[in-house]
Amino acid sequence: MAKPDAVLTLLLSKPELALLKKLDFPCSEPVLATAQLTEQGYELTGSWNDFDSLVGWVAGEANHTRSARKADLLNDIADQLECELSRGR
């Protein structure tokens, strides 16, 4: 069972963040609005539900893109989201 009050974090590179902004998924705005630059990259935060919604869009786009570079970035993002979701349970 998900912890509804848990705050999850995601660390993205500049290209990963730029791609998510460009794709503008319907559920991405609240998460993207939290982006803070750190020494390790861009840290995004959100609830379990925010991340769960986002991972579906990211994985779907990764499966349908023809660009290998874009697919690699999206798969990396999806993997990170899935990891955070599993920790938030």
PDB file of N, CA and C in Angstrom:
ATOM      1  N   MET A   1       0.846  -1.186   0.000  1.00  0.00           N
ATOM      2  CA  MET A   1       0.000   0.000   0.000  1.00  0.00           C
ATOM      3  C   MET A   1       0.889   1.247   0.000  1.00  0.00           C
ATOM      4  N   ALA A   2       0.592   2.181  -0.834  1.00  0.00           N
ATOM      5  CA  ALA A   2       1.383   3.414  -0.923  1.00  0.00           C
ATOM      6  C   ALA A   2       1.156   4.282   0.296  1.00  0.00           C
ATOM      7  N   LYS A   3       2.191   4.993   0.660  1.00  0.00           N
ATOM      8  CA  LYS A   3       2.083   5.971   1.739  1.00  0.00           C
ATOM      9  C   LYS A   3       1.675   7.294   1.096  1.00  0.00           C
ATOM     10  N   PRO A   4       0.415   7.715   1.255  1.00  0.00           N
ATOM     11  CA  PRO A   4      -0.061   8.897   0.529  1.00  0.00           C
ATOM     12  C   PRO A   4       0.654  10.186   0.904  1.00  0.00           C
ATOM     13  N   ASP A   5       1.202  10.245   2.092  1.00  0.00           N
ATOM     14  CA  ASP A   5       1.865  11.475   2.512  1.00  0.00           C
ATOM     15  C   ASP A   5       3.377  11.452   2.265  1.00  0.00           C
ATOM     16  N   ALA A   6       3.872  10.350   1.710  1.00  0.00           N
ATOM     17  CA  ALA A   6       5.304  10.240   1.446  1.00  0.00           C
ATOM     18  C   ALA A   6       5.701  11.175   0.313  1.00  0.00           C
ATOM     19  N   VAL A   7       6.810  11.875   0.507  1.00  0.00           N
ATOM     20  CA  VAL A   7       7.364  12.728  -0.544  1.00  0.00           C
ATOM     21  C   VAL A   7       8.520  11.968  -1.178  1.00  0.00           C
ATOM     22  N   LEU A   8       8.421  11.746  -2.466  1.00  0.00           N
ATOM     23  CA  LEU A   8       9.447  11.030  -3.203  1.00  0.00           C
ATOM     24  C   LEU A   8      10.304  12.029  -3.963  1.00  0.00           C
ATOM     25  N   THR A   9      11.540  11.645  -4.235  1.00  0.00           N
ATOM     26  CA  THR A   9      12.438  12.529  -4.969  1.00  0.00           C
ATOM     27  C   THR A   9      12.998  11.807  -6.182  1.00  0.00           C
ATOM     28  N   LEU A  10      13.315  12.582  -7.179  1.00  0.00           N
ATOM     29  CA  LEU A  10      13.854  12.077  -8.428  1.00  0.00           C
ATOM     30  C   LEU A  10      14.983  12.999  -8.840  1.00  0.00           C
ATOM     31  N   LEU A  11      16.106  12.443  -9.214  1.00  0.00           N
ATOM     32  CA  LEU A  11      17.252  13.230  -9.643  1.00  0.00           C
ATOM     33  C   LEU A  11      17.442  13.044 -11.144  1.00  0.00           C
ATOM     34  N   LEU A  12      17.331  14.131 -11.894  1.00  0.00           N
ATOM     35  CA  LEU A  12      17.440  14.075 -13.344  1.00  0.00           C
ATOM     36  C   LEU A  12      18.608  14.911 -13.848  1.00  0.00           C
ATOM     37  N   SER A  13      19.116  14.495 -14.991  1.00  0.00           N
ATOM     38  CA  SER A  13      20.127  15.297 -15.676  1.00  0.00           C
ATOM     39  C   SER A  13      19.418  16.431 -16.411  1.00  0.00           C
ATOM     40  N   LYS A  14      20.200  17.379 -16.892  1.00  0.00           N
ATOM     41  CA  LYS A  14      19.632  18.497 -17.655  1.00  0.00           C
ATOM     42  C   LYS A  14      18.901  18.004 -18.910  1.00  0.00           C
ATOM     43  N   PRO A  15      19.494  17.058 -19.683  1.00  0.00           N
ATOM     44  CA  PRO A  15      18.766  16.561 -20.863  1.00  0.00           C
ATOM     45  C   PRO A  15      17.466  15.824 -20.511  1.00  0.00           C
ATOM     46  N   GLU A  16      17.473  15.071 -19.419  1.00  0.00           N
ATOM     47  CA  GLU A  16      16.260  14.370 -18.999  1.00  0.00           C
ATOM     48  C   GLU A  16      15.163  15.351 -18.619  1.00  0.00           C
ATOM     49  N   LEU A  17      15.520  16.374 -17.854  1.00  0.00           N
ATOM     50  CA  LEU A  17      14.541  17.380 -17.458  1.00  0.00           C
ATOM     51  C   LEU A  17      14.015  18.128 -18.672  1.00  0.00           C
ATOM     52  N   ALA A  18      14.898  18.489 -19.593  1.00  0.00           N
ATOM     53  CA  ALA A  18      14.480  19.202 -20.800  1.00  0.00           C
ATOM     54  C   ALA A  18      13.501  18.357 -21.623  1.00  0.00           C
ATOM     55  N   LEU A  19      13.752  17.068 -21.702  1.00  0.00           N
ATOM     56  CA  LEU A  19      12.865  16.189 -22.460  1.00  0.00           C
ATOM     57  C   LEU A  19      11.487  16.119 -21.816  1.00  0.00           C
ATOM     58  N   LEU A  20      11.428  15.974 -20.500  1.00  0.00           N
ATOM     59  CA  LEU A  20      10.127  15.933 -19.823  1.00  0.00           C
ATOM     60  C   LEU A  20       9.355  17.235 -20.025  1.00  0.00           C
ATOM     61  N   LYS A  21      10.071  18.343 -19.971  1.00  0.00           N
ATOM     62  CA  LYS A  21       9.408  19.628 -20.195  1.00  0.00           C
ATOM     63  C   LYS A  21       8.874  19.721 -21.624  1.00  0.00           C
ATOM     64  N   LYS A  22       9.648  19.238 -22.573  1.00  0.00           N
ATOM     65  CA  LYS A  22       9.248  19.290 -23.980  1.00  0.00           C
ATOM     66  C   LYS A  22       8.028  18.409 -24.235  1.00  0.00           C
ATOM     67  N   LEU A  23       7.982  17.245 -23.621  1.00  0.00           N
ATOM     68  CA  LEU A  23       6.877  16.316 -23.844  1.00  0.00           C
ATOM     69  C   LEU A  23       5.584  16.794 -23.175  1.00  0.00           C
ATOM     70  N   ASP A  24       5.698  17.523 -22.105  1.00  0.00           N
ATOM     71  CA  ASP A  24       4.546  18.161 -21.454  1.00  0.00           C
ATOM     72  C   ASP A  24       3.390  17.187 -21.224  1.00  0.00           C
ATOM     73  N   PHE A  25       3.671  16.095 -20.528  1.00  0.00           N
ATOM     74  CA  PHE A  25       2.626  15.137 -20.194  1.00  0.00           C
ATOM     75  C   PHE A  25       1.588  15.803 -19.291  1.00  0.00           C
ATOM     76  N   PRO A  26       0.316  15.397 -19.373  1.00  0.00           N
ATOM     77  CA  PRO A  26      -0.736  16.034 -18.582  1.00  0.00           C
ATOM     78  C   PRO A  26      -0.475  16.039 -17.071  1.00  0.00           C
ATOM     79  N   CYS A  27       0.214  15.031 -16.574  1.00  0.00           N
ATOM     80  CA  CYS A  27       0.433  14.914 -15.134  1.00  0.00           C
ATOM     81  C   CYS A  27       1.781  15.453 -14.684  1.00  0.00           C
ATOM     82  N   SER A  28       2.589  15.964 -15.600  1.00  0.00           N
ATOM     83  CA  SER A  28       3.969  16.308 -15.251  1.00  0.00           C
ATOM     84  C   SER A  28       4.139  17.686 -14.622  1.00  0.00           C
ATOM     85  N   GLU A  29       3.209  18.585 -14.831  1.00  0.00           N
ATOM     86  CA  GLU A  29       3.389  19.963 -14.370  1.00  0.00           C
ATOM     87  C   GLU A  29       3.677  20.093 -12.875  1.00  0.00           C
ATOM     88  N   PRO A  30       2.906  19.428 -11.985  1.00  0.00           N
ATOM     89  CA  PRO A  30       3.208  19.577 -10.553  1.00  0.00           C
ATOM     90  C   PRO A  30       4.604  19.109 -10.169  1.00  0.00           C
ATOM     91  N   VAL A  31       5.058  18.026 -10.787  1.00  0.00           N
ATOM     92  CA  VAL A  31       6.388  17.490 -10.474  1.00  0.00           C
ATOM     93  C   VAL A  31       7.470  18.390 -11.064  1.00  0.00           C
ATOM     94  N   LEU A  32       7.302  18.799 -12.311  1.00  0.00           N
ATOM     95  CA  LEU A  32       8.305  19.650 -12.956  1.00  0.00           C
ATOM     96  C   LEU A  32       8.453  20.993 -12.255  1.00  0.00           C
ATOM     97  N   ALA A  33       7.382  21.474 -11.658  1.00  0.00           N
ATOM     98  CA  ALA A  33       7.422  22.759 -10.954  1.00  0.00           C
ATOM     99  C   ALA A  33       8.309  22.718  -9.717  1.00  0.00           C
ATOM    100  N   THR A  34       8.649  21.524  -9.248  1.00  0.00           N
ATOM    101  CA  THR A  34       9.483  21.401  -8.041  1.00  0.00           C
ATOM    102  C   THR A  34      10.969  21.339  -8.345  1.00  0.00           C
ATOM    103  N   ALA A  35      11.354  21.340  -9.610  1.00  0.00           N
ATOM    104  CA  ALA A  35      12.759  21.146 -10.002  1.00  0.00           C
ATOM    105  C   ALA A  35      13.686  22.158  -9.336  1.00  0.00           C
ATOM    106  N   GLN A  36      14.690  21.631  -8.660  1.00  0.00           N
ATOM    107  CA  GLN A  36      15.713  22.440  -7.995  1.00  0.00           C
ATOM    108  C   GLN A  36      17.081  21.927  -8.424  1.00  0.00           C
ATOM    109  N   LEU A  37      17.932  22.833  -8.866  1.00  0.00           N
ATOM    110  CA  LEU A  37      19.280  22.451  -9.273  1.00  0.00           C
ATOM    111  C   LEU A  37      20.119  22.142  -8.035  1.00  0.00           C
ATOM    112  N   THR A  38      20.760  20.977  -8.048  1.00  0.00           N
ATOM    113  CA  THR A  38      21.676  20.576  -6.986  1.00  0.00           C
ATOM    114  C   THR A  38      23.016  20.255  -7.625  1.00  0.00           C
ATOM    115  N   GLU A  39      23.995  19.899  -6.825  1.00  0.00           N
ATOM    116  CA  GLU A  39      25.302  19.524  -7.361  1.00  0.00           C
ATOM    117  C   GLU A  39      25.232  18.243  -8.182  1.00  0.00           C
ATOM    118  N   GLN A  40      24.237  17.394  -7.906  1.00  0.00           N
ATOM    119  CA  GLN A  40      24.110  16.114  -8.597  1.00  0.00           C
ATOM    120  C   GLN A  40      23.212  16.183  -9.837  1.00  0.00           C
ATOM    121  N   GLY A  41      22.447  17.231  -9.978  1.00  0.00           N
ATOM    122  CA  GLY A  41      21.506  17.352 -11.089  1.00  0.00           C
ATOM    123  C   GLY A  41      20.269  18.109 -10.641  1.00  0.00           C
ATOM    124  N   TYR A  42      19.157  17.844 -11.283  1.00  0.00           N
ATOM    125  CA  TYR A  42      17.898  18.503 -10.937  1.00  0.00           C
ATOM    126  C   TYR A  42      17.063  17.571 -10.079  1.00  0.00           C
ATOM    127  N   GLU A  43      16.726  18.024  -8.887  1.00  0.00           N
ATOM    128  CA  GLU A  43      15.926  17.228  -7.973  1.00  0.00           C
ATOM    129  C   GLU A  43      14.467  17.635  -8.101  1.00  0.00           C
ATOM    130  N   LEU A  44      13.623  16.644  -8.322  1.00  0.00           N
ATOM    131  CA  LEU A  44      12.187  16.849  -8.407  1.00  0.00           C
ATOM    132  C   LEU A  44      11.523  16.079  -7.277  1.00  0.00           C
ATOM    133  N   THR A  45      10.458  16.611  -6.752  1.00  0.00           N
ATOM    134  CA  THR A  45       9.736  15.933  -5.687  1.00  0.00           C
ATOM    135  C   THR A  45       8.269  15.803  -6.061  1.00  0.00           C
ATOM    136  N   GLY A  46       7.632  14.824  -5.460  1.00  0.00           N
ATOM    137  CA  GLY A  46       6.212  14.624  -5.692  1.00  0.00           C
ATOM    138  C   GLY A  46       5.686  13.510  -4.813  1.00  0.00           C
ATOM    139  N   SER A  47       4.393  13.351  -4.843  1.00  0.00           N
ATOM    140  CA  SER A  47       3.764  12.281  -4.073  1.00  0.00           C
ATOM    141  C   SER A  47       3.900  10.959  -4.831  1.00  0.00           C
ATOM    142  N   TRP A  48       3.560   9.891  -4.145  1.00  0.00           N
ATOM    143  CA  TRP A  48       3.570   8.581  -4.787  1.00  0.00           C
ATOM    144  C   TRP A  48       2.641   8.606  -5.995  1.00  0.00           C
ATOM    145  N   ASN A  49       1.471   9.194  -5.848  1.00  0.00           N
ATOM    146  CA  ASN A  49       0.508   9.263  -6.955  1.00  0.00           C
ATOM    147  C   ASN A  49       1.045  10.087  -8.123  1.00  0.00           C
ATOM    148  N   ASP A  50       1.740  11.189  -7.830  1.00  0.00           N
ATOM    149  CA  ASP A  50       2.338  12.004  -8.893  1.00  0.00           C
ATOM    150  C   ASP A  50       3.315  11.171  -9.711  1.00  0.00           C
ATOM    151  N   PHE A  51       4.189  10.450  -9.022  1.00  0.00           N
ATOM    152  CA  PHE A  51       5.206   9.652  -9.698  1.00  0.00           C
ATOM    153  C   PHE A  51       4.586   8.464 -10.428  1.00  0.00           C
ATOM    154  N   ASP A  52       3.557   7.859  -9.837  1.00  0.00           N
ATOM    155  CA  ASP A  52       2.884   6.731 -10.456  1.00  0.00           C
ATOM    156  C   ASP A  52       2.225   7.149 -11.775  1.00  0.00           C
ATOM    157  N   SER A  53       1.601   8.302 -11.798  1.00  0.00           N
ATOM    158  CA  SER A  53       1.000   8.812 -13.035  1.00  0.00           C
ATOM    159  C   SER A  53       2.067   9.112 -14.074  1.00  0.00           C
ATOM    160  N   LEU A  54       3.128   9.755 -13.648  1.00  0.00           N
ATOM    161  CA  LEU A  54       4.184  10.155 -14.568  1.00  0.00           C
ATOM    162  C   LEU A  54       4.889   8.960 -15.191  1.00  0.00           C
ATOM    163  N   VAL A  55       5.148   7.916 -14.419  1.00  0.00           N
ATOM    164  CA  VAL A  55       5.882   6.771 -14.957  1.00  0.00           C
ATOM    165  C   VAL A  55       5.108   6.095 -16.088  1.00  0.00           C
ATOM    166  N   GLY A  56       3.802   6.080 -16.007  1.00  0.00           N
ATOM    167  CA  GLY A  56       3.011   5.494 -17.085  1.00  0.00           C
ATOM    168  C   GLY A  56       3.174   6.245 -18.393  1.00  0.00           C
ATOM    169  N   TRP A  57       3.150   7.557 -18.324  1.00  0.00           N
ATOM    170  CA  TRP A  57       3.331   8.386 -19.519  1.00  0.00           C
ATOM    171  C   TRP A  57       4.734   8.238 -20.086  1.00  0.00           C
ATOM    172  N   VAL A  58       5.721   8.250 -19.191  1.00  0.00           N
ATOM    173  CA  VAL A  58       7.124   8.155 -19.620  1.00  0.00           C
ATOM    174  C   VAL A  58       7.381   6.802 -20.291  1.00  0.00           C
ATOM    175  N   ALA A  59       6.930   5.732 -19.663  1.00  0.00           N
ATOM    176  CA  ALA A  59       7.148   4.401 -20.228  1.00  0.00           C
ATOM    177  C   ALA A  59       6.418   4.241 -21.560  1.00  0.00           C
ATOM    178  N   GLY A  60       5.207   4.755 -21.644  1.00  0.00           N
ATOM    179  CA  GLY A  60       4.462   4.681 -22.890  1.00  0.00           C
ATOM    180  C   GLY A  60       5.166   5.406 -24.023  1.00  0.00           C
ATOM    181  N   GLU A  61       5.671   6.598 -23.730  1.00  0.00           N
ATOM    182  CA  GLU A  61       6.399   7.367 -24.747  1.00  0.00           C
ATOM    183  C   GLU A  61       7.680   6.651 -25.152  1.00  0.00           C
ATOM    184  N   ALA A  62       8.368   6.050 -24.189  1.00  0.00           N
ATOM    185  CA  ALA A  62       9.603   5.313 -24.493  1.00  0.00           C
ATOM    186  C   ALA A  62       9.325   4.146 -25.439  1.00  0.00           C
ATOM    187  N   ASN A  63       8.187   3.512 -25.269  1.00  0.00           N
ATOM    188  CA  ASN A  63       7.837   2.368 -26.110  1.00  0.00           C
ATOM    189  C   ASN A  63       7.441   2.769 -27.526  1.00  0.00           C
ATOM    190  N   HIS A  64       7.062   4.026 -27.728  1.00  0.00           N
ATOM    191  CA  HIS A  64       6.571   4.443 -29.038  1.00  0.00           C
ATOM    192  C   HIS A  64       7.496   5.377 -29.805  1.00  0.00           C
ATOM    193  N   THR A  65       8.580   5.781 -29.207  1.00  0.00           N
ATOM    194  CA  THR A  65       9.483   6.692 -29.905  1.00  0.00           C
ATOM    195  C   THR A  65      10.377   5.932 -30.875  1.00  0.00           C
ATOM    196  N   ARG A  66      10.749   6.595 -31.932  1.00  0.00           N
ATOM    197  CA  ARG A  66      11.646   5.986 -32.923  1.00  0.00           C
ATOM    198  C   ARG A  66      13.096   6.400 -32.699  1.00  0.00           C
ATOM    199  N   SER A  67      13.307   7.362 -31.847  1.00  0.00           N
ATOM    200  CA  SER A  67      14.649   7.863 -31.572  1.00  0.00           C
ATOM    201  C   SER A  67      15.294   7.036 -30.450  1.00  0.00           C
ATOM    202  N   ALA A  68      16.429   6.439 -30.751  1.00  0.00           N
ATOM    203  CA  ALA A  68      17.130   5.632 -29.746  1.00  0.00           C
ATOM    204  C   ALA A  68      17.570   6.496 -28.564  1.00  0.00           C
ATOM    205  N   ARG A  69      18.055   7.687 -28.834  1.00  0.00           N
ATOM    206  CA  ARG A  69      18.504   8.592 -27.761  1.00  0.00           C
ATOM    207  C   ARG A  69      17.347   8.971 -26.842  1.00  0.00           C
ATOM    208  N   LYS A  70      16.225   9.317 -27.435  1.00  0.00           N
ATOM    209  CA  LYS A  70      15.042   9.680 -26.662  1.00  0.00           C
ATOM    210  C   LYS A  70      14.541   8.488 -25.847  1.00  0.00           C
ATOM    211  N   ALA A  71      14.544   7.314 -26.456  1.00  0.00           N
ATOM    212  CA  ALA A  71      14.112   6.102 -25.753  1.00  0.00           C
ATOM    213  C   ALA A  71      15.025   5.814 -24.567  1.00  0.00           C
ATOM    214  N   ASP A  72      16.338   5.986 -24.756  1.00  0.00           N
ATOM    215  CA  ASP A  72      17.281   5.766 -23.653  1.00  0.00           C
ATOM    216  C   ASP A  72      17.014   6.715 -22.495  1.00  0.00           C
ATOM    217  N   LEU A  73      16.816   7.994 -22.797  1.00  0.00           N
ATOM    218  CA  LEU A  73      16.527   8.972 -21.741  1.00  0.00           C
ATOM    219  C   LEU A  73      15.228   8.628 -21.019  1.00  0.00           C
ATOM    220  N   LEU A  74      14.197   8.317 -21.793  1.00  0.00           N
ATOM    221  CA  LEU A  74      12.897   8.000 -21.191  1.00  0.00           C
ATOM    222  C   LEU A  74      12.961   6.726 -20.362  1.00  0.00           C
ATOM    223  N   ASN A  75      13.669   5.720 -20.838  1.00  0.00           N
ATOM    224  CA  ASN A  75      13.809   4.483 -20.062  1.00  0.00           C
ATOM    225  C   ASN A  75      14.568   4.727 -18.772  1.00  0.00           C
ATOM    226  N   ASP A  76      15.590   5.568 -18.807  1.00  0.00           N
ATOM    227  CA  ASP A  76      16.324   5.916 -17.586  1.00  0.00           C
ATOM    228  C   ASP A  76      15.407   6.620 -16.586  1.00  0.00           C
ATOM    229  N   ILE A  77      14.603   7.554 -17.076  1.00  0.00           N
ATOM    230  CA  ILE A  77      13.662   8.270 -16.204  1.00  0.00           C
ATOM    231  C   ILE A  77      12.656   7.284 -15.620  1.00  0.00           C
ATOM    232  N   ALA A  78      12.096   6.419 -16.458  1.00  0.00           N
ATOM    233  CA  ALA A  78      11.111   5.438 -15.986  1.00  0.00           C
ATOM    234  C   ALA A  78      11.714   4.519 -14.929  1.00  0.00           C
ATOM    235  N   ASP A  79      12.939   4.083 -15.143  1.00  0.00           N
ATOM    236  CA  ASP A  79      13.609   3.222 -14.161  1.00  0.00           C
ATOM    237  C   ASP A  79      13.760   3.933 -12.821  1.00  0.00           C
ATOM    238  N   GLN A  80      14.150   5.194 -12.868  1.00  0.00           N
ATOM    239  CA  GLN A  80      14.316   5.964 -11.631  1.00  0.00           C
ATOM    240  C   GLN A  80      12.971   6.157 -10.923  1.00  0.00           C
ATOM    241  N   LEU A  81      11.938   6.449 -11.693  1.00  0.00           N
ATOM    242  CA  LEU A  81      10.601   6.599 -11.111  1.00  0.00           C
ATOM    243  C   LEU A  81      10.138   5.302 -10.456  1.00  0.00           C
ATOM    244  N   GLU A  82      10.335   4.195 -11.136  1.00  0.00           N
ATOM    245  CA  GLU A  82       9.930   2.885 -10.585  1.00  0.00           C
ATOM    246  C   GLU A  82      10.691   2.588  -9.288  1.00  0.00           C
ATOM    247  N   CYS A  83      11.960   2.930  -9.270  1.00  0.00           N
ATOM    248  CA  CYS A  83      12.765   2.719  -8.059  1.00  0.00           C
ATOM    249  C   CYS A  83      12.202   3.524  -6.891  1.00  0.00           C
ATOM    250  N   GLU A  84      11.899   4.783  -7.142  1.00  0.00           N
ATOM    251  CA  GLU A  84      11.339   5.624  -6.082  1.00  0.00           C
ATOM    252  C   GLU A  84       9.968   5.143  -5.650  1.00  0.00           C
ATOM    253  N   LEU A  85       9.160   4.686  -6.591  1.00  0.00           N
ATOM    254  CA  LEU A  85       7.831   4.173  -6.256  1.00  0.00           C
ATOM    255  C   LEU A  85       7.931   2.940  -5.370  1.00  0.00           C
ATOM    256  N   SER A  86       8.900   2.081  -5.654  1.00  0.00           N
ATOM    257  CA  SER A  86       9.048   0.873  -4.836  1.00  0.00           C
ATOM    258  C   SER A  86       9.530   1.227  -3.429  1.00  0.00           C
ATOM    259  N   ARG A  87      10.312   2.273  -3.287  1.00  0.00           N
ATOM    260  CA  ARG A  87      10.767   2.716  -1.961  1.00  0.00           C
ATOM    261  C   ARG A  87       9.634   3.360  -1.173  1.00  0.00           C
ATOM    262  N   GLY A  88       8.700   3.984  -1.899  1.00  0.00           N
ATOM    263  CA  GLY A  88       7.596   4.691  -1.244  1.00  0.00           C
ATOM    264  C   GLY A  88       6.465   3.786  -0.778  1.00  0.00           C
ATOM    265  N   ARG A  89       6.585   2.518  -1.014  1.00  0.00           N
ATOM    266  CA  ARG A  89       5.514   1.580  -0.580  1.00  0.00           C
ATOM    267  C   ARG A  89       5.679   1.206   0.860  1.00  0.00           C
TER     268      ARG A  89
END
